[in-house]
Amino acid sequence: MKTKLVAGLAALATLAAIPAFAQTPAPAGGPMTVDKSTIGAIWADDKGKAVLQKDVPGIEQYMDQIKDMTLAQVAPMSQGAIDDAKLKQIQADLDKASGK
């Protein structure tokens, strides 16, 4: 599983030249979400960073390439490493970390 995740994230690194889709960022201080918060914004929050490190091990290796994208945007390019179930798990963990 870890190999699949790393391989999927490695594939994302090759897409670094592709600009991120236009998006409306989550409001500052608002809830962290997999579909509105950029990965960089989640990473900048201590609780969010802990969730990403737990749920997506090795993600820090690709932060420069994916920091301006949301997890929902990265998922289709992750070769199955971040599927719908993983997005739901990450969202649940983000909600729990923020006290929801």
PDB file of N, CA and C in Angstrom:
ATOM      1  N   MET A   1       0.829  -1.190   0.000  1.00  0.00           N
ATOM      2  CA  MET A   1       0.000   0.000   0.000  1.00  0.00           C
ATOM      3  C   MET A   1       0.870   1.249   0.000  1.00  0.00           C
ATOM      4  N   LYS A   2       1.919   1.239   0.850  1.00  0.00           N
ATOM      5  CA  LYS A   2       2.801   2.395   0.922  1.00  0.00           C
ATOM      6  C   LYS A   2       3.501   2.619  -0.416  1.00  0.00           C
ATOM      7  N   THR A   3       3.903   1.525  -1.073  1.00  0.00           N
ATOM      8  CA  THR A   3       4.554   1.635  -2.372  1.00  0.00           C
ATOM      9  C   THR A   3       3.614   2.249  -3.387  1.00  0.00           C
ATOM     10  N   LYS A   4       2.355   1.846  -3.362  1.00  0.00           N
ATOM     11  CA  LYS A   4       1.367   2.397  -4.286  1.00  0.00           C
ATOM     12  C   LYS A   4       1.175   3.886  -4.041  1.00  0.00           C
ATOM     13  N   LEU A   5       1.146   4.285  -2.779  1.00  0.00           N
ATOM     14  CA  LEU A   5       0.978   5.691  -2.429  1.00  0.00           C
ATOM     15  C   LEU A   5       2.170   6.501  -2.909  1.00  0.00           C
ATOM     16  N   VAL A   6       3.372   6.007  -2.663  1.00  0.00           N
ATOM     17  CA  VAL A   6       4.578   6.713  -3.094  1.00  0.00           C
ATOM     18  C   VAL A   6       4.631   6.783  -4.615  1.00  0.00           C
ATOM     19  N   ALA A   7       4.263   5.698  -5.292  1.00  0.00           N
ATOM     20  CA  ALA A   7       4.255   5.704  -6.756  1.00  0.00           C
ATOM     21  C   ALA A   7       3.249   6.710  -7.291  1.00  0.00           C
ATOM     22  N   GLY A   8       2.099   6.769  -6.661  1.00  0.00           N
ATOM     23  CA  GLY A   8       1.083   7.729  -7.089  1.00  0.00           C
ATOM     24  C   GLY A   8       1.538   9.157  -6.889  1.00  0.00           C
ATOM     25  N   LEU A   9       2.159   9.412  -5.760  1.00  0.00           N
ATOM     26  CA  LEU A   9       2.655  10.758  -5.498  1.00  0.00           C
ATOM     27  C   LEU A   9       3.824  11.093  -6.417  1.00  0.00           C
ATOM     28  N   ALA A  10       4.636  10.104  -6.750  1.00  0.00           N
ATOM     29  CA  ALA A  10       5.736  10.339  -7.686  1.00  0.00           C
ATOM     30  C   ALA A  10       5.194  10.730  -9.052  1.00  0.00           C
ATOM     31  N   ALA A  11       4.088  10.120  -9.442  1.00  0.00           N
ATOM     32  CA  ALA A  11       3.468  10.478 -10.718  1.00  0.00           C
ATOM     33  C   ALA A  11       3.022  11.932 -10.705  1.00  0.00           C
ATOM     34  N   LEU A  12       2.608  12.404  -9.549  1.00  0.00           N
ATOM     35  CA  LEU A  12       2.197  13.805  -9.433  1.00  0.00           C
ATOM     36  C   LEU A  12       3.360  14.748  -9.680  1.00  0.00           C
ATOM     37  N   ALA A  13       4.539  14.337  -9.287  1.00  0.00           N
ATOM     38  CA  ALA A  13       5.704  15.193  -9.463  1.00  0.00           C
ATOM     39  C   ALA A  13       5.948  15.483 -10.941  1.00  0.00           C
ATOM     40  N   THR A  14       5.598  14.543 -11.792  1.00  0.00           N
ATOM     41  CA  THR A  14       5.786  14.753 -13.227  1.00  0.00           C
ATOM     42  C   THR A  14       4.782  15.745 -13.786  1.00  0.00           C
ATOM     43  N   LEU A  15       3.736  16.013 -13.050  1.00  0.00           N
ATOM     44  CA  LEU A  15       2.704  16.943 -13.503  1.00  0.00           C
ATOM     45  C   LEU A  15       2.938  18.359 -12.982  1.00  0.00           C
ATOM     46  N   ALA A  16       4.088  18.603 -12.407  1.00  0.00           N
ATOM     47  CA  ALA A  16       4.358  19.898 -11.781  1.00  0.00           C
ATOM     48  C   ALA A  16       4.243  21.062 -12.759  1.00  0.00           C
ATOM     49  N   ALA A  17       4.483  20.816 -14.023  1.00  0.00           N
ATOM     50  CA  ALA A  17       4.426  21.894 -15.009  1.00  0.00           C
ATOM     51  C   ALA A  17       2.996  22.272 -15.375  1.00  0.00           C
ATOM     52  N   ILE A  18       2.042  21.432 -15.010  1.00  0.00           N
ATOM     53  CA  ILE A  18       0.643  21.711 -15.323  1.00  0.00           C
ATOM     54  C   ILE A  18       0.081  22.637 -14.252  1.00  0.00           C
ATOM     55  N   PRO A  19      -0.469  23.788 -14.640  1.00  0.00           N
ATOM     56  CA  PRO A  19      -1.009  24.699 -13.622  1.00  0.00           C
ATOM     57  C   PRO A  19      -2.220  24.104 -12.922  1.00  0.00           C
ATOM     58  N   ALA A  20      -2.385  24.459 -11.668  1.00  0.00           N
ATOM     59  CA  ALA A  20      -3.541  23.990 -10.894  1.00  0.00           C
ATOM     60  C   ALA A  20      -4.813  24.619 -11.438  1.00  0.00           C
ATOM     61  N   PHE A  21      -5.908  23.922 -11.297  1.00  0.00           N
ATOM     62  CA  PHE A  21      -7.197  24.443 -11.718  1.00  0.00           C
ATOM     63  C   PHE A  21      -7.564  25.648 -10.858  1.00  0.00           C
ATOM     64  N   ALA A  22      -8.274  26.589 -11.449  1.00  0.00           N
ATOM     65  CA  ALA A  22      -8.724  27.749 -10.676  1.00  0.00           C
ATOM     66  C   ALA A  22      -9.629  27.265  -9.556  1.00  0.00           C
ATOM     67  N   GLN A  23      -9.481  27.850  -8.415  1.00  0.00           N
ATOM     68  CA  GLN A  23     -10.279  27.424  -7.276  1.00  0.00           C
ATOM     69  C   GLN A  23     -10.482  28.589  -6.331  1.00  0.00           C
ATOM     70  N   THR A  24     -11.500  28.487  -5.556  1.00  0.00           N
ATOM     71  CA  THR A  24     -11.736  29.470  -4.513  1.00  0.00           C
ATOM     72  C   THR A  24     -11.161  28.900  -3.231  1.00  0.00           C
ATOM     73  N   PRO A  25     -10.122  29.533  -2.690  1.00  0.00           N
ATOM     74  CA  PRO A  25      -9.530  28.985  -1.476  1.00  0.00           C
ATOM     75  C   PRO A  25     -10.486  29.075  -0.295  1.00  0.00           C
ATOM     76  N   ALA A  26     -10.300  28.171   0.639  1.00  0.00           N
ATOM     77  CA  ALA A  26     -11.112  28.199   1.859  1.00  0.00           C
ATOM     78  C   ALA A  26     -10.801  29.478   2.615  1.00  0.00           C
ATOM     79  N   PRO A  27     -11.795  30.044   3.264  1.00  0.00           N
ATOM     80  CA  PRO A  27     -11.549  31.272   4.017  1.00  0.00           C
ATOM     81  C   PRO A  27     -10.529  31.046   5.124  1.00  0.00           C
ATOM     82  N   ALA A  28      -9.707  32.058   5.366  1.00  0.00           N
ATOM     83  CA  ALA A  28      -8.706  31.957   6.426  1.00  0.00           C
ATOM     84  C   ALA A  28      -9.405  31.683   7.750  1.00  0.00           C
ATOM     85  N   GLY A  29      -8.894  30.725   8.479  1.00  0.00           N
ATOM     86  CA  GLY A  29      -9.481  30.389   9.759  1.00  0.00           C
ATOM     87  C   GLY A  29     -10.718  29.517   9.643  1.00  0.00           C
ATOM     88  N   GLY A  30     -11.144  29.220   8.413  1.00  0.00           N
ATOM     89  CA  GLY A  30     -12.309  28.369   8.197  1.00  0.00           C
ATOM     90  C   GLY A  30     -11.930  26.907   8.337  1.00  0.00           C
ATOM     91  N   PRO A  31     -12.905  26.039   8.193  1.00  0.00           N
ATOM     92  CA  PRO A  31     -12.623  24.612   8.313  1.00  0.00           C
ATOM     93  C   PRO A  31     -11.747  24.115   7.162  1.00  0.00           C
ATOM     94  N   MET A  32     -10.887  23.172   7.461  1.00  0.00           N
ATOM     95  CA  MET A  32     -10.051  22.561   6.429  1.00  0.00           C
ATOM     96  C   MET A  32     -10.873  21.491   5.722  1.00  0.00           C
ATOM     97  N   THR A  33     -10.882  21.540   4.396  1.00  0.00           N
ATOM     98  CA  THR A  33     -11.619  20.540   3.634  1.00  0.00           C
ATOM     99  C   THR A  33     -10.756  20.006   2.503  1.00  0.00           C
ATOM    100  N   VAL A  34     -11.034  18.772   2.093  1.00  0.00           N
ATOM    101  CA  VAL A  34     -10.266  18.152   1.019  1.00  0.00           C
ATOM    102  C   VAL A  34     -10.584  18.755  -0.341  1.00  0.00           C
ATOM    103  N   ASP A  35     -11.724  19.439  -0.455  1.00  0.00           N
ATOM    104  CA  ASP A  35     -12.102  19.976  -1.761  1.00  0.00           C
ATOM    105  C   ASP A  35     -11.960  21.488  -1.886  1.00  0.00           C
ATOM    106  N   LYS A  36     -11.741  22.198  -0.791  1.00  0.00           N
ATOM    107  CA  LYS A  36     -11.605  23.658  -0.870  1.00  0.00           C
ATOM    108  C   LYS A  36     -10.274  24.185  -0.342  1.00  0.00           C
ATOM    109  N   SER A  37      -9.682  23.503   0.601  1.00  0.00           N
ATOM    110  CA  SER A  37      -8.410  23.957   1.183  1.00  0.00           C
ATOM    111  C   SER A  37      -7.247  23.441   0.347  1.00  0.00           C
ATOM    112  N   THR A  38      -6.280  24.317   0.066  1.00  0.00           N
ATOM    113  CA  THR A  38      -5.100  23.833  -0.642  1.00  0.00           C
ATOM    114  C   THR A  38      -4.291  22.944   0.301  1.00  0.00           C
ATOM    115  N   ILE A  39      -3.520  22.074  -0.290  1.00  0.00           N
ATOM    116  CA  ILE A  39      -2.667  21.195   0.504  1.00  0.00           C
ATOM    117  C   ILE A  39      -1.675  22.041   1.305  1.00  0.00           C
ATOM    118  N   GLY A  40      -1.187  23.122   0.695  1.00  0.00           N
ATOM    119  CA  GLY A  40      -0.275  24.018   1.401  1.00  0.00           C
ATOM    120  C   GLY A  40      -0.911  24.650   2.624  1.00  0.00           C
ATOM    121  N   ALA A  41      -2.182  25.033   2.512  1.00  0.00           N
ATOM    122  CA  ALA A  41      -2.889  25.628   3.651  1.00  0.00           C
ATOM    123  C   ALA A  41      -3.092  24.598   4.761  1.00  0.00           C
ATOM    124  N   ILE A  42      -3.425  23.379   4.385  1.00  0.00           N
ATOM    125  CA  ILE A  42      -3.582  22.313   5.387  1.00  0.00           C
ATOM    126  C   ILE A  42      -2.237  22.044   6.053  1.00  0.00           C
ATOM    127  N   TRP A  43      -1.179  22.004   5.248  1.00  0.00           N
ATOM    128  CA  TRP A  43       0.168  21.728   5.753  1.00  0.00           C
ATOM    129  C   TRP A  43       0.632  22.819   6.721  1.00  0.00           C
ATOM    130  N   ALA A  44       0.212  24.054   6.485  1.00  0.00           N
ATOM    131  CA  ALA A  44       0.621  25.178   7.332  1.00  0.00           C
ATOM    132  C   ALA A  44      -0.020  25.131   8.719  1.00  0.00           C
ATOM    133  N   ASP A  45      -1.091  24.381   8.860  1.00  0.00           N
ATOM    134  CA  ASP A  45      -1.774  24.218  10.143  1.00  0.00           C
ATOM    135  C   ASP A  45      -1.193  22.989  10.841  1.00  0.00           C
ATOM    136  N   ASP A  46      -0.762  23.124  12.080  1.00  0.00           N
ATOM    137  CA  ASP A  46      -0.120  22.007  12.785  1.00  0.00           C
ATOM    138  C   ASP A  46      -0.996  20.757  12.824  1.00  0.00           C
ATOM    139  N   LYS A  47      -2.281  20.938  13.104  1.00  0.00           N
ATOM    140  CA  LYS A  47      -3.187  19.782  13.165  1.00  0.00           C
ATOM    141  C   LYS A  47      -3.399  19.194  11.774  1.00  0.00           C
ATOM    142  N   GLY A  48      -3.527  20.052  10.783  1.00  0.00           N
ATOM    143  CA  GLY A  48      -3.689  19.588   9.407  1.00  0.00           C
ATOM    144  C   GLY A  48      -2.461  18.839   8.920  1.00  0.00           C
ATOM    145  N   LYS A  49      -1.293  19.361   9.265  1.00  0.00           N
ATOM    146  CA  LYS A  49      -0.038  18.711   8.883  1.00  0.00           C
ATOM    147  C   LYS A  49       0.043  17.307   9.476  1.00  0.00           C
ATOM    148  N   ALA A  50      -0.355  17.174  10.737  1.00  0.00           N
ATOM    149  CA  ALA A  50      -0.336  15.863  11.393  1.00  0.00           C
ATOM    150  C   ALA A  50      -1.268  14.885  10.675  1.00  0.00           C
ATOM    151  N   VAL A  51      -2.429  15.375  10.243  1.00  0.00           N
ATOM    152  CA  VAL A  51      -3.373  14.521   9.511  1.00  0.00           C
ATOM    153  C   VAL A  51      -2.756  14.074   8.191  1.00  0.00           C
ATOM    154  N   LEU A  52      -2.167  15.003   7.445  1.00  0.00           N
ATOM    155  CA  LEU A  52      -1.562  14.638   6.161  1.00  0.00           C
ATOM    156  C   LEU A  52      -0.414  13.656   6.350  1.00  0.00           C
ATOM    157  N   GLN A  53       0.418  13.868   7.359  1.00  0.00           N
ATOM    158  CA  GLN A  53       1.530  12.953   7.604  1.00  0.00           C
ATOM    159  C   GLN A  53       1.031  11.557   7.955  1.00  0.00           C
ATOM    160  N   LYS A  54      -0.079  11.486   8.670  1.00  0.00           N
ATOM    161  CA  LYS A  54      -0.649  10.190   9.056  1.00  0.00           C
ATOM    162  C   LYS A  54      -1.337   9.509   7.873  1.00  0.00           C
ATOM    163  N   ASP A  55      -2.168  10.263   7.163  1.00  0.00           N
ATOM    164  CA  ASP A  55      -3.008   9.666   6.127  1.00  0.00           C
ATOM    165  C   ASP A  55      -2.334   9.554   4.761  1.00  0.00           C
ATOM    166  N   VAL A  56      -1.351  10.404   4.500  1.00  0.00           N
ATOM    167  CA  VAL A  56      -0.660  10.386   3.203  1.00  0.00           C
ATOM    168  C   VAL A  56       0.850  10.424   3.469  1.00  0.00           C
ATOM    169  N   PRO A  57       1.406   9.322   3.981  1.00  0.00           N
ATOM    170  CA  PRO A  57       2.832   9.309   4.311  1.00  0.00           C
ATOM    171  C   PRO A  57       3.684   9.632   3.082  1.00  0.00           C
ATOM    172  N   GLY A  58       4.675  10.468   3.275  1.00  0.00           N
ATOM    173  CA  GLY A  58       5.578  10.834   2.187  1.00  0.00           C
ATOM    174  C   GLY A  58       5.131  12.033   1.377  1.00  0.00           C
ATOM    175  N   ILE A  59       3.983  12.613   1.713  1.00  0.00           N
ATOM    176  CA  ILE A  59       3.448  13.731   0.931  1.00  0.00           C
ATOM    177  C   ILE A  59       4.404  14.923   0.925  1.00  0.00           C
ATOM    178  N   GLU A  60       5.196  15.078   1.982  1.00  0.00           N
ATOM    179  CA  GLU A  60       6.089  16.238   2.054  1.00  0.00           C
ATOM    180  C   GLU A  60       7.106  16.264   0.914  1.00  0.00           C
ATOM    181  N   GLN A  61       7.416  15.103   0.344  1.00  0.00           N
ATOM    182  CA  GLN A  61       8.358  15.035  -0.773  1.00  0.00           C
ATOM    183  C   GLN A  61       7.840  15.767  -2.009  1.00  0.00           C
ATOM    184  N   TYR A  62       6.538  15.921  -2.103  1.00  0.00           N
ATOM    185  CA  TYR A  62       5.906  16.487  -3.297  1.00  0.00           C
ATOM    186  C   TYR A  62       5.245  17.837  -3.034  1.00  0.00           C
ATOM    187  N   MET A  63       5.510  18.403  -1.862  1.00  0.00           N
ATOM    188  CA  MET A  63       4.816  19.619  -1.459  1.00  0.00           C
ATOM    189  C   MET A  63       5.001  20.758  -2.459  1.00  0.00           C
ATOM    190  N   ASP A  64       6.197  20.924  -3.005  1.00  0.00           N
ATOM    191  CA  ASP A  64       6.417  22.009  -3.967  1.00  0.00           C
ATOM    192  C   ASP A  64       5.522  21.870  -5.191  1.00  0.00           C
ATOM    193  N   GLN A  65       5.254  20.649  -5.615  1.00  0.00           N
ATOM    194  CA  GLN A  65       4.444  20.424  -6.810  1.00  0.00           C
ATOM    195  C   GLN A  65       2.947  20.519  -6.556  1.00  0.00           C
ATOM    196  N   ILE A  66       2.499  20.197  -5.342  1.00  0.00           N
ATOM    197  CA  ILE A  66       1.056  20.071  -5.101  1.00  0.00           C
ATOM    198  C   ILE A  66       0.492  21.051  -4.083  1.00  0.00           C
ATOM    199  N   LYS A  67       1.318  21.923  -3.537  1.00  0.00           N
ATOM    200  CA  LYS A  67       0.868  22.797  -2.443  1.00  0.00           C
ATOM    201  C   LYS A  67      -0.270  23.732  -2.826  1.00  0.00           C
ATOM    202  N   ASP A  68      -0.399  24.082  -4.095  1.00  0.00           N
ATOM    203  CA  ASP A  68      -1.455  25.002  -4.522  1.00  0.00           C
ATOM    204  C   ASP A  68      -2.705  24.283  -5.016  1.00  0.00           C
ATOM    205  N   MET A  69      -2.730  22.974  -4.871  1.00  0.00           N
ATOM    206  CA  MET A  69      -3.875  22.163  -5.292  1.00  0.00           C
ATOM    207  C   MET A  69      -4.605  21.643  -4.063  1.00  0.00           C
ATOM    208  N   THR A  70      -5.858  21.251  -4.253  1.00  0.00           N
ATOM    209  CA  THR A  70      -6.595  20.605  -3.173  1.00  0.00           C
ATOM    210  C   THR A  70      -6.357  19.101  -3.260  1.00  0.00           C
ATOM    211  N   LEU A  71      -6.660  18.403  -2.190  1.00  0.00           N
ATOM    212  CA  LEU A  71      -6.540  16.946  -2.220  1.00  0.00           C
ATOM    213  C   LEU A  71      -7.488  16.349  -3.258  1.00  0.00           C
ATOM    214  N   ALA A  72      -8.663  16.941  -3.413  1.00  0.00           N
ATOM    215  CA  ALA A  72      -9.618  16.453  -4.408  1.00  0.00           C
ATOM    216  C   ALA A  72      -9.069  16.615  -5.822  1.00  0.00           C
ATOM    217  N   GLN A  73      -8.282  17.649  -6.067  1.00  0.00           N
ATOM    218  CA  GLN A  73      -7.677  17.836  -7.382  1.00  0.00           C
ATOM    219  C   GLN A  73      -6.530  16.865  -7.614  1.00  0.00           C
ATOM    220  N   VAL A  74      -5.795  16.552  -6.576  1.00  0.00           N
ATOM    221  CA  VAL A  74      -4.656  15.645  -6.681  1.00  0.00           C
ATOM    222  C   VAL A  74      -5.115  14.194  -6.854  1.00  0.00           C
ATOM    223  N   ALA A  75      -6.234  13.846  -6.256  1.00  0.00           N
ATOM    224  CA  ALA A  75      -6.707  12.458  -6.238  1.00  0.00           C
ATOM    225  C   ALA A  75      -6.738  11.792  -7.617  1.00  0.00           C
ATOM    226  N   PRO A  76      -7.318  12.405  -8.656  1.00  0.00           N
ATOM    227  CA  PRO A  76      -7.372  11.720  -9.952  1.00  0.00           C
ATOM    228  C   PRO A  76      -5.996  11.475 -10.575  1.00  0.00           C
ATOM    229  N   MET A  77      -4.997  12.203 -10.133  1.00  0.00           N
ATOM    230  CA  MET A  77      -3.648  12.057 -10.683  1.00  0.00           C
ATOM    231  C   MET A  77      -2.761  11.169  -9.822  1.00  0.00           C
ATOM    232  N   SER A  78      -3.317  10.601  -8.765  1.00  0.00           N
ATOM    233  CA  SER A  78      -2.508   9.855  -7.799  1.00  0.00           C
ATOM    234  C   SER A  78      -2.427   8.361  -8.097  1.00  0.00           C
ATOM    235  N   GLN A  79      -2.890   7.948  -9.254  1.00  0.00           N
ATOM    236  CA  GLN A  79      -2.872   6.533  -9.651  1.00  0.00           C
ATOM    237  C   GLN A  79      -3.540   5.643  -8.607  1.00  0.00           C
ATOM    238  N   GLY A  80      -4.629   6.132  -8.039  1.00  0.00           N
ATOM    239  CA  GLY A  80      -5.400   5.347  -7.080  1.00  0.00           C
ATOM    240  C   GLY A  80      -4.925   5.437  -5.644  1.00  0.00           C
ATOM    241  N   ALA A  81      -3.827   6.131  -5.406  1.00  0.00           N
ATOM    242  CA  ALA A  81      -3.309   6.233  -4.041  1.00  0.00           C
ATOM    243  C   ALA A  81      -4.235   7.057  -3.155  1.00  0.00           C
ATOM    244  N   ILE A  82      -4.888   8.058  -3.747  1.00  0.00           N
ATOM    245  CA  ILE A  82      -5.854   8.869  -3.004  1.00  0.00           C
ATOM    246  C   ILE A  82      -7.194   8.705  -3.709  1.00  0.00           C
ATOM    247  N   ASP A  83      -7.971   7.739  -3.241  1.00  0.00           N
ATOM    248  CA  ASP A  83      -9.282   7.470  -3.842  1.00  0.00           C
ATOM    249  C   ASP A  83     -10.373   8.116  -2.988  1.00  0.00           C
ATOM    250  N   ASP A  84     -11.631   7.882  -3.354  1.00  0.00           N
ATOM    251  CA  ASP A  84     -12.742   8.491  -2.614  1.00  0.00           C
ATOM    252  C   ASP A  84     -12.739   8.088  -1.140  1.00  0.00           C
ATOM    253  N   ALA A  85     -12.438   6.828  -0.873  1.00  0.00           N
ATOM    254  CA  ALA A  85     -12.404   6.364   0.517  1.00  0.00           C
ATOM    255  C   ALA A  85     -11.306   7.087   1.300  1.00  0.00           C
ATOM    256  N   LYS A  86     -10.153   7.274   0.675  1.00  0.00           N
ATOM    257  CA  LYS A  86      -9.043   7.974   1.332  1.00  0.00           C
ATOM    258  C   LYS A  86      -9.408   9.440   1.570  1.00  0.00           C
ATOM    259  N   LEU A  87     -10.069  10.083   0.591  1.00  0.00           N
ATOM    260  CA  LEU A  87     -10.503  11.470   0.777  1.00  0.00           C
ATOM    261  C   LEU A  87     -11.476  11.584   1.947  1.00  0.00           C
ATOM    262  N   LYS A  88     -12.403  10.627   2.061  1.00  0.00           N
ATOM    263  CA  LYS A  88     -13.359  10.640   3.174  1.00  0.00           C
ATOM    264  C   LYS A  88     -12.639  10.455   4.504  1.00  0.00           C
ATOM    265  N   GLN A  89     -11.646   9.566   4.517  1.00  0.00           N
ATOM    266  CA  GLN A  89     -10.870   9.339   5.737  1.00  0.00           C
ATOM    267  C   GLN A  89     -10.114  10.610   6.129  1.00  0.00           C
ATOM    268  N   ILE A  90      -9.471  11.246   5.160  1.00  0.00           N
ATOM    269  CA  ILE A  90      -8.724  12.473   5.445  1.00  0.00           C
ATOM    270  C   ILE A  90      -9.666  13.554   5.961  1.00  0.00           C
ATOM    271  N   GLN A  91     -10.841  13.696   5.317  1.00  0.00           N
ATOM    272  CA  GLN A  91     -11.794  14.713   5.757  1.00  0.00           C
ATOM    273  C   GLN A  91     -12.262  14.443   7.181  1.00  0.00           C
ATOM    274  N   ALA A  92     -12.549  13.183   7.488  1.00  0.00           N
ATOM    275  CA  ALA A  92     -12.973  12.830   8.848  1.00  0.00           C
ATOM    276  C   ALA A  92     -11.875  13.161   9.854  1.00  0.00           C
ATOM    277  N   ASP A  93     -10.631  12.877   9.489  1.00  0.00           N
ATOM    278  CA  ASP A  93      -9.518  13.169  10.390  1.00  0.00           C
ATOM    279  C   ASP A  93      -9.300  14.678  10.544  1.00  0.00           C
ATOM    280  N   LEU A  94      -9.489  15.440   9.457  1.00  0.00           N
ATOM    281  CA  LEU A  94      -9.389  16.901   9.549  1.00  0.00           C
ATOM    282  C   LEU A  94     -10.487  17.455  10.452  1.00  0.00           C
ATOM    283  N   ASP A  95     -11.705  16.927  10.284  1.00  0.00           N
ATOM    284  CA  ASP A  95     -12.824  17.362  11.131  1.00  0.00           C
ATOM    285  C   ASP A  95     -12.543  17.058  12.600  1.00  0.00           C
ATOM    286  N   LYS A  96     -12.055  15.861  12.857  1.00  0.00           N
ATOM    287  CA  LYS A  96     -11.750  15.452  14.230  1.00  0.00           C
ATOM    288  C   LYS A  96     -10.642  16.332  14.818  1.00  0.00           C
ATOM    289  N   ALA A  97      -9.625  16.616  14.019  1.00  0.00           N
ATOM    290  CA  ALA A  97      -8.501  17.432  14.491  1.00  0.00           C
ATOM    291  C   ALA A  97      -8.929  18.859  14.812  1.00  0.00           C
ATOM    292  N   SER A  98      -9.923  19.346  14.068  1.00  0.00           N
ATOM    293  CA  SER A  98     -10.374  20.723  14.302  1.00  0.00           C
ATOM    294  C   SER A  98     -11.513  20.799  15.312  1.00  0.00           C
ATOM    295  N   GLY A  99     -11.866  19.650  15.900  1.00  0.00           N
ATOM    296  CA  GLY A  99     -12.873  19.637  16.954  1.00  0.00           C
ATOM    297  C   GLY A  99     -14.305  19.579  16.476  1.00  0.00           C
ATOM    298  N   LYS A 100     -14.523  19.192  15.239  1.00  0.00           N
ATOM    299  CA  LYS A 100     -15.894  19.083  14.717  1.00  0.00           C
ATOM    300  C   LYS A 100     -16.556  17.826  15.210  1.00  0.00           C
TER     301      LYS A 100
END
